[in-house]
Amino acid sequence: MNLGPTELLVVLAIILLLFGAKKLPDLARSLGKSTREFKHGMTEAAEQPDVTATPGSTRAPDSGSEQRQI
């Protein structure tokens, strides 16, 4: 699905009508912050080792599937 210049202008015009000219800079700023935080979280998660798995263990940790007796 390729968007040409005409389609992009129509989409931008609709966004301008929905949010107004005063809200667009705030909307773009918050979108940029969200993207930055998401990327930071992804790189941070990739750098940390997985602490739930033990070396040599192929069994998943017990999820508490046992029922307690009352």
PDB file of N, CA and C in Angstrom:
ATOM      1  N   MET A   1       0.845  -1.168   0.000  1.00  0.00           N
ATOM      2  CA  MET A   1       0.000   0.000   0.000  1.00  0.00           C
ATOM      3  C   MET A   1       0.896   1.238   0.000  1.00  0.00           C
ATOM      4  N   ASN A   2       0.962   1.904  -1.120  1.00  0.00           N
ATOM      5  CA  ASN A   2       1.767   3.118  -1.243  1.00  0.00           C
ATOM      6  C   ASN A   2       0.881   4.347  -1.115  1.00  0.00           C
ATOM      7  N   LEU A   3       1.328   5.278  -0.321  1.00  0.00           N
ATOM      8  CA  LEU A   3       0.606   6.542  -0.180  1.00  0.00           C
ATOM      9  C   LEU A   3       1.316   7.596  -1.017  1.00  0.00           C
ATOM     10  N   GLY A   4       0.598   8.172  -1.922  1.00  0.00           N
ATOM     11  CA  GLY A   4       1.154   9.238  -2.743  1.00  0.00           C
ATOM     12  C   GLY A   4       1.031  10.576  -2.044  1.00  0.00           C
ATOM     13  N   PRO A   5       1.527  11.623  -2.684  1.00  0.00           N
ATOM     14  CA  PRO A   5       1.470  12.952  -2.070  1.00  0.00           C
ATOM     15  C   PRO A   5       0.035  13.443  -1.840  1.00  0.00           C
ATOM     16  N   THR A   6      -0.870  13.093  -2.732  1.00  0.00           N
ATOM     17  CA  THR A   6      -2.258  13.531  -2.579  1.00  0.00           C
ATOM     18  C   THR A   6      -2.898  12.891  -1.354  1.00  0.00           C
ATOM     19  N   GLU A   7      -2.674  11.582  -1.191  1.00  0.00           N
ATOM     20  CA  GLU A   7      -3.242  10.891  -0.039  1.00  0.00           C
ATOM     21  C   GLU A   7      -2.663  11.426   1.267  1.00  0.00           C
ATOM     22  N   LEU A   8      -1.368  11.718   1.290  1.00  0.00           N
ATOM     23  CA  LEU A   8      -0.739  12.268   2.490  1.00  0.00           C
ATOM     24  C   LEU A   8      -1.320  13.632   2.847  1.00  0.00           C
ATOM     25  N   LEU A   9      -1.581  14.456   1.849  1.00  0.00           N
ATOM     26  CA  LEU A   9      -2.180  15.762   2.106  1.00  0.00           C
ATOM     27  C   LEU A   9      -3.589  15.630   2.668  1.00  0.00           C
ATOM     28  N   VAL A  10      -4.343  14.683   2.156  1.00  0.00           N
ATOM     29  CA  VAL A  10      -5.703  14.462   2.655  1.00  0.00           C
ATOM     30  C   VAL A  10      -5.655  13.989   4.108  1.00  0.00           C
ATOM     31  N   VAL A  11      -4.749  13.060   4.423  1.00  0.00           N
ATOM     32  CA  VAL A  11      -4.625  12.562   5.791  1.00  0.00           C
ATOM     33  C   VAL A  11      -4.202  13.688   6.727  1.00  0.00           C
ATOM     34  N   LEU A  12      -3.231  14.489   6.324  1.00  0.00           N
ATOM     35  CA  LEU A  12      -2.789  15.615   7.148  1.00  0.00           C
ATOM     36  C   LEU A  12      -3.897  16.646   7.349  1.00  0.00           C
ATOM     37  N   ALA A  13      -4.700  16.884   6.326  1.00  0.00           N
ATOM     38  CA  ALA A  13      -5.814  17.823   6.456  1.00  0.00           C
ATOM     39  C   ALA A  13      -6.856  17.303   7.439  1.00  0.00           C
ATOM     40  N   ILE A  14      -7.130  16.003   7.402  1.00  0.00           N
ATOM     41  CA  ILE A  14      -8.093  15.415   8.337  1.00  0.00           C
ATOM     42  C   ILE A  14      -7.563  15.509   9.768  1.00  0.00           C
ATOM     43  N   ILE A  15      -6.277  15.224   9.952  1.00  0.00           N
ATOM     44  CA  ILE A  15      -5.673  15.335  11.285  1.00  0.00           C
ATOM     45  C   ILE A  15      -5.742  16.772  11.782  1.00  0.00           C
ATOM     46  N   LEU A  16      -5.478  17.719  10.904  1.00  0.00           N
ATOM     47  CA  LEU A  16      -5.552  19.127  11.277  1.00  0.00           C
ATOM     48  C   LEU A  16      -6.964  19.519  11.692  1.00  0.00           C
ATOM     49  N   LEU A  17      -7.961  19.010  10.982  1.00  0.00           N
ATOM     50  CA  LEU A  17      -9.349  19.305  11.331  1.00  0.00           C
ATOM     51  C   LEU A  17      -9.754  18.657  12.660  1.00  0.00           C
ATOM     52  N   LEU A  18      -9.261  17.446  12.912  1.00  0.00           N
ATOM     53  CA  LEU A  18      -9.634  16.744  14.132  1.00  0.00           C
ATOM     54  C   LEU A  18      -9.003  17.354  15.373  1.00  0.00           C
ATOM     55  N   PHE A  19      -7.718  17.677  15.302  1.00  0.00           N
ATOM     56  CA  PHE A  19      -7.001  18.113  16.494  1.00  0.00           C
ATOM     57  C   PHE A  19      -6.807  19.617  16.583  1.00  0.00           C
ATOM     58  N   GLY A  20      -6.874  20.302  15.479  1.00  0.00           N
ATOM     59  CA  GLY A  20      -6.666  21.743  15.493  1.00  0.00           C
ATOM     60  C   GLY A  20      -5.195  22.099  15.420  1.00  0.00           C
ATOM     61  N   ALA A  21      -4.904  23.311  14.975  1.00  0.00           N
ATOM     62  CA  ALA A  21      -3.532  23.747  14.760  1.00  0.00           C
ATOM     63  C   ALA A  21      -2.772  23.919  16.069  1.00  0.00           C
ATOM     64  N   LYS A  22      -3.467  24.238  17.144  1.00  0.00           N
ATOM     65  CA  LYS A  22      -2.787  24.466  18.420  1.00  0.00           C
ATOM     66  C   LYS A  22      -2.362  23.155  19.095  1.00  0.00           C
ATOM     67  N   LYS A  23      -3.078  22.082  18.837  1.00  0.00           N
ATOM     68  CA  LYS A  23      -2.785  20.802  19.486  1.00  0.00           C
ATOM     69  C   LYS A  23      -1.732  19.980  18.742  1.00  0.00           C
ATOM     70  N   LEU A  24      -1.501  20.246  17.463  1.00  0.00           N
ATOM     71  CA  LEU A  24      -0.585  19.419  16.682  1.00  0.00           C
ATOM     72  C   LEU A  24       0.841  19.406  17.227  1.00  0.00           C
ATOM     73  N   PRO A  25       1.447  20.543  17.625  1.00  0.00           N
ATOM     74  CA  PRO A  25       2.801  20.465  18.176  1.00  0.00           C
ATOM     75  C   PRO A  25       2.877  19.640  19.465  1.00  0.00           C
ATOM     76  N   ASP A  26       1.872  19.775  20.321  1.00  0.00           N
ATOM     77  CA  ASP A  26       1.847  18.978  21.546  1.00  0.00           C
ATOM     78  C   ASP A  26       1.694  17.495  21.233  1.00  0.00           C
ATOM     79  N   LEU A  27       0.862  17.185  20.260  1.00  0.00           N
ATOM     80  CA  LEU A  27       0.652  15.804  19.857  1.00  0.00           C
ATOM     81  C   LEU A  27       1.936  15.206  19.291  1.00  0.00           C
ATOM     82  N   ALA A  28       2.631  15.941  18.443  1.00  0.00           N
ATOM     83  CA  ALA A  28       3.888  15.464  17.868  1.00  0.00           C
ATOM     84  C   ALA A  28       4.962  15.305  18.943  1.00  0.00           C
ATOM     85  N   ARG A  29       5.009  16.222  19.875  1.00  0.00           N
ATOM     86  CA  ARG A  29       5.992  16.149  20.961  1.00  0.00           C
ATOM     87  C   ARG A  29       5.761  14.909  21.823  1.00  0.00           C
ATOM     88  N   SER A  30       4.516  14.654  22.191  1.00  0.00           N
ATOM     89  CA  SER A  30       4.226  13.489  23.030  1.00  0.00           C
ATOM     90  C   SER A  30       4.463  12.187  22.273  1.00  0.00           C
ATOM     91  N   LEU A  31       4.205  12.189  20.976  1.00  0.00           N
ATOM     92  CA  LEU A  31       4.474  11.006  20.168  1.00  0.00           C
ATOM     93  C   LEU A  31       5.978  10.734  20.105  1.00  0.00           C
ATOM     94  N   GLY A  32       6.777  11.772  19.968  1.00  0.00           N
ATOM     95  CA  GLY A  32       8.229  11.623  19.960  1.00  0.00           C
ATOM     96  C   GLY A  32       8.756  11.108  21.284  1.00  0.00           C
ATOM     97  N   LYS A  33       8.222  11.627  22.397  1.00  0.00           N
ATOM     98  CA  LYS A  33       8.639  11.160  23.722  1.00  0.00           C
ATOM     99  C   LYS A  33       8.288   9.690  23.913  1.00  0.00           C
ATOM    100  N   SER A  34       7.094   9.317  23.489  1.00  0.00           N
ATOM    101  CA  SER A  34       6.666   7.928  23.630  1.00  0.00           C
ATOM    102  C   SER A  34       7.561   6.997  22.822  1.00  0.00           C
ATOM    103  N   THR A  35       7.902   7.397  21.619  1.00  0.00           N
ATOM    104  CA  THR A  35       8.773   6.589  20.771  1.00  0.00           C
ATOM    105  C   THR A  35      10.151   6.439  21.394  1.00  0.00           C
ATOM    106  N   ARG A  36      10.693   7.533  21.920  1.00  0.00           N
ATOM    107  CA  ARG A  36      12.009   7.489  22.565  1.00  0.00           C
ATOM    108  C   ARG A  36      12.004   6.577  23.781  1.00  0.00           C
ATOM    109  N   GLU A  37      10.977   6.680  24.623  1.00  0.00           N
ATOM    110  CA  GLU A  37      10.883   5.846  25.816  1.00  0.00           C
ATOM    111  C   GLU A  37      10.727   4.373  25.446  1.00  0.00           C
ATOM    112  N   PHE A  38       9.976   4.088  24.392  1.00  0.00           N
ATOM    113  CA  PHE A  38       9.793   2.714  23.945  1.00  0.00           C
ATOM    114  C   PHE A  38      11.122   2.136  23.469  1.00  0.00           C
ATOM    115  N   LYS A  39      11.860   2.888  22.661  1.00  0.00           N
ATOM    116  CA  LYS A  39      13.158   2.415  22.176  1.00  0.00           C
ATOM    117  C   LYS A  39      14.130   2.214  23.331  1.00  0.00           C
ATOM    118  N   HIS A  40      14.123   3.132  24.298  1.00  0.00           N
ATOM    119  CA  HIS A  40      14.998   3.006  25.456  1.00  0.00           C
ATOM    120  C   HIS A  40      14.650   1.742  26.249  1.00  0.00           C
ATOM    121  N   GLY A  41      13.383   1.488  26.436  1.00  0.00           N
ATOM    122  CA  GLY A  41      12.949   0.293  27.150  1.00  0.00           C
ATOM    123  C   GLY A  41      13.324  -0.982  26.412  1.00  0.00           C
ATOM    124  N   MET A  42      13.234  -0.972  25.101  1.00  0.00           N
ATOM    125  CA  MET A  42      13.589  -2.149  24.319  1.00  0.00           C
ATOM    126  C   MET A  42      15.081  -2.439  24.409  1.00  0.00           C
ATOM    127  N   THR A  43      15.916  -1.414  24.325  1.00  0.00           N
ATOM    128  CA  THR A  43      17.359  -1.639  24.417  1.00  0.00           C
ATOM    129  C   THR A  43      17.747  -2.034  25.832  1.00  0.00           C
ATOM    130  N   GLU A  44      17.077  -1.471  26.829  1.00  0.00           N
ATOM    131  CA  GLU A  44      17.358  -1.816  28.219  1.00  0.00           C
ATOM    132  C   GLU A  44      16.979  -3.268  28.490  1.00  0.00           C
ATOM    133  N   ALA A  45      15.863  -3.711  27.959  1.00  0.00           N
ATOM    134  CA  ALA A  45      15.425  -5.092  28.155  1.00  0.00           C
ATOM    135  C   ALA A  45      16.340  -6.067  27.429  1.00  0.00           C
ATOM    136  N   ALA A  46      16.874  -5.672  26.287  1.00  0.00           N
ATOM    137  CA  ALA A  46      17.766  -6.549  25.529  1.00  0.00           C
ATOM    138  C   ALA A  46      19.115  -6.694  26.227  1.00  0.00           C
ATOM    139  N   GLU A  47      19.535  -5.689  26.977  1.00  0.00           N
ATOM    140  CA  GLU A  47      20.824  -5.732  27.655  1.00  0.00           C
ATOM    141  C   GLU A  47      20.781  -6.576  28.924  1.00  0.00           C
ATOM    142  N   GLN A  48      19.629  -6.683  29.569  1.00  0.00           N
ATOM    143  CA  GLN A  48      19.519  -7.418  30.820  1.00  0.00           C
ATOM    144  C   GLN A  48      19.350  -8.907  30.546  1.00  0.00           C
ATOM    145  N   PRO A  49      20.057  -9.746  31.318  1.00  0.00           N
ATOM    146  CA  PRO A  49      19.887 -11.195  31.136  1.00  0.00           C
ATOM    147  C   PRO A  49      18.539 -11.644  31.673  1.00  0.00           C
ATOM    148  N   ASP A  50      18.080 -12.766  31.185  1.00  0.00           N
ATOM    149  CA  ASP A  50      16.810 -13.330  31.625  1.00  0.00           C
ATOM    150  C   ASP A  50      17.012 -13.969  32.991  1.00  0.00           C
ATOM    151  N   VAL A  51      16.382 -13.432  34.011  1.00  0.00           N
ATOM    152  CA  VAL A  51      16.587 -13.920  35.368  1.00  0.00           C
ATOM    153  C   VAL A  51      15.611 -15.028  35.748  1.00  0.00           C
ATOM    154  N   THR A  52      14.601 -15.296  34.944  1.00  0.00           N
ATOM    155  CA  THR A  52      13.614 -16.318  35.292  1.00  0.00           C
ATOM    156  C   THR A  52      14.099 -17.710  34.951  1.00  0.00           C
ATOM    157  N   ALA A  53      14.954 -17.861  33.971  1.00  0.00           N
ATOM    158  CA  ALA A  53      15.431 -19.171  33.564  1.00  0.00           C
ATOM    159  C   ALA A  53      16.763 -19.471  34.242  1.00  0.00           C
ATOM    160  N   THR A  54      16.915 -20.714  34.690  1.00  0.00           N
ATOM    161  CA  THR A  54      18.182 -21.124  35.271  1.00  0.00           C
ATOM    162  C   THR A  54      18.961 -21.900  34.224  1.00  0.00           C
ATOM    163  N   PRO A  55      20.280 -21.818  34.241  1.00  0.00           N
ATOM    164  CA  PRO A  55      21.075 -22.540  33.242  1.00  0.00           C
ATOM    165  C   PRO A  55      20.830 -24.043  33.322  1.00  0.00           C
ATOM    166  N   GLY A  56      20.603 -24.666  32.190  1.00  0.00           N
ATOM    167  CA  GLY A  56      20.392 -26.101  32.128  1.00  0.00           C
ATOM    168  C   GLY A  56      18.979 -26.535  32.445  1.00  0.00           C
ATOM    169  N   SER A  57      18.121 -25.626  32.783  1.00  0.00           N
ATOM    170  CA  SER A  57      16.752 -25.974  33.121  1.00  0.00           C
ATOM    171  C   SER A  57      15.869 -25.818  31.894  1.00  0.00           C
ATOM    172  N   THR A  58      15.125 -26.883  31.586  1.00  0.00           N
ATOM    173  CA  THR A  58      14.220 -26.808  30.439  1.00  0.00           C
ATOM    174  C   THR A  58      12.775 -26.706  30.900  1.00  0.00           C
ATOM    175  N   ARG A  59      12.556 -26.852  32.187  1.00  0.00           N
ATOM    176  CA  ARG A  59      11.197 -26.801  32.723  1.00  0.00           C
ATOM    177  C   ARG A  59      10.831 -25.382  33.107  1.00  0.00           C
ATOM    178  N   ALA A  60       9.621 -24.984  32.794  1.00  0.00           N
ATOM    179  CA  ALA A  60       9.144 -23.650  33.138  1.00  0.00           C
ATOM    180  C   ALA A  60       8.899 -23.589  34.639  1.00  0.00           C
ATOM    181  N   PRO A  61       9.048 -22.413  35.241  1.00  0.00           N
ATOM    182  CA  PRO A  61       8.764 -22.286  36.673  1.00  0.00           C
ATOM    183  C   PRO A  61       7.314 -22.637  36.975  1.00  0.00           C
ATOM    184  N   ASP A  62       7.070 -23.149  38.177  1.00  0.00           N
ATOM    185  CA  ASP A  62       5.734 -23.550  38.602  1.00  0.00           C
ATOM    186  C   ASP A  62       4.831 -22.318  38.635  1.00  0.00           C
ATOM    187  N   SER A  63       3.722 -22.397  37.974  1.00  0.00           N
ATOM    188  CA  SER A  63       2.833 -21.227  37.875  1.00  0.00           C
ATOM    189  C   SER A  63       1.757 -21.234  38.959  1.00  0.00           C
ATOM    190  N   GLY A  64       1.890 -22.126  39.918  1.00  0.00           N
ATOM    191  CA  GLY A  64       0.895 -22.147  40.994  1.00  0.00           C
ATOM    192  C   GLY A  64      -0.376 -22.827  40.571  1.00  0.00           C
ATOM    193  N   SER A  65      -0.263 -23.847  39.727  1.00  0.00           N
ATOM    194  CA  SER A  65      -1.464 -24.502  39.219  1.00  0.00           C
ATOM    195  C   SER A  65      -2.094 -25.435  40.249  1.00  0.00           C
ATOM    196  N   GLU A  66      -1.365 -25.682  41.353  1.00  0.00           N
ATOM    197  CA  GLU A  66      -1.935 -26.529  42.388  1.00  0.00           C
ATOM    198  C   GLU A  66      -3.037 -25.777  43.123  1.00  0.00           C
ATOM    199  N   GLN A  67      -4.094 -26.484  43.464  1.00  0.00           N
ATOM    200  CA  GLN A  67      -5.187 -25.853  44.196  1.00  0.00           C
ATOM    201  C   GLN A  67      -4.956 -26.043  45.682  1.00  0.00           C
ATOM    202  N   ARG A  68      -5.247 -24.998  46.434  1.00  0.00           N
ATOM    203  CA  ARG A  68      -5.085 -25.075  47.881  1.00  0.00           C
ATOM    204  C   ARG A  68      -6.347 -25.655  48.496  1.00  0.00           C
ATOM    205  N   GLN A  69      -6.145 -26.441  49.540  1.00  0.00           N
ATOM    206  CA  GLN A  69      -7.265 -27.022  50.281  1.00  0.00           C
ATOM    207  C   GLN A  69      -7.722 -26.037  51.350  1.00  0.00           C
ATOM    208  N   ILE A  70      -9.003 -25.874  51.485  1.00  0.00           N
ATOM    209  CA  ILE A  70      -9.542 -24.971  52.495  1.00  0.00           C
ATOM    210  C   ILE A  70     -10.027 -25.760  53.677  1.00  0.00           C
TER     211      ILE A  70
END
